[in-house]
Amino acid sequence: QVQLVESGGGLVQAGGSLRLSCAASGRTFTARAMGWFRQAPGKEREFVGAISWNGVTTYYADSVKDRFTISGDNAKNTMYLQMNRLKPEDTAVYYCASARNPYESKRSPDAYSDWGQGTQVTVSS
């Protein structure tokens, strides 16, 4: 099983930036597709973005495209989510997740088997 730990959340003003980290560990952890999701109060968990197993390709939800960037450091088993030009509607708990199929980057939460505990991001207007 893979253990994922997010960090870097906090309170920021609209227009500001934050960088989230997702550190992965586990007995059988190998390079695999990873994703970021978020969940606001009263809403369903939604896809934010994903990165392919080799770090070459990234995918984003339309709502964050051109503002958020996903990157990975396989040597550190860590994935990052750089969030720029934050908006109040970005307020949510952000989760990282590892894909069931290590070579498939998908938008559905069902495609991910291991999840972190989440980190709160709050954007004030």
Foldseek 3Di string as FASTA:
>chain_A
DKAKAKDWADEEAAQAKIKMKIFIDDDDDDQFKKFKWWDDPPGDIWGAKIAFSVQPDIGGDPVQPPFWDWGDDRVRNMIMIIGGRDDQVVWTWMKMFGAPGRGDHDTDPVRTDDIYPTDTHGYHD
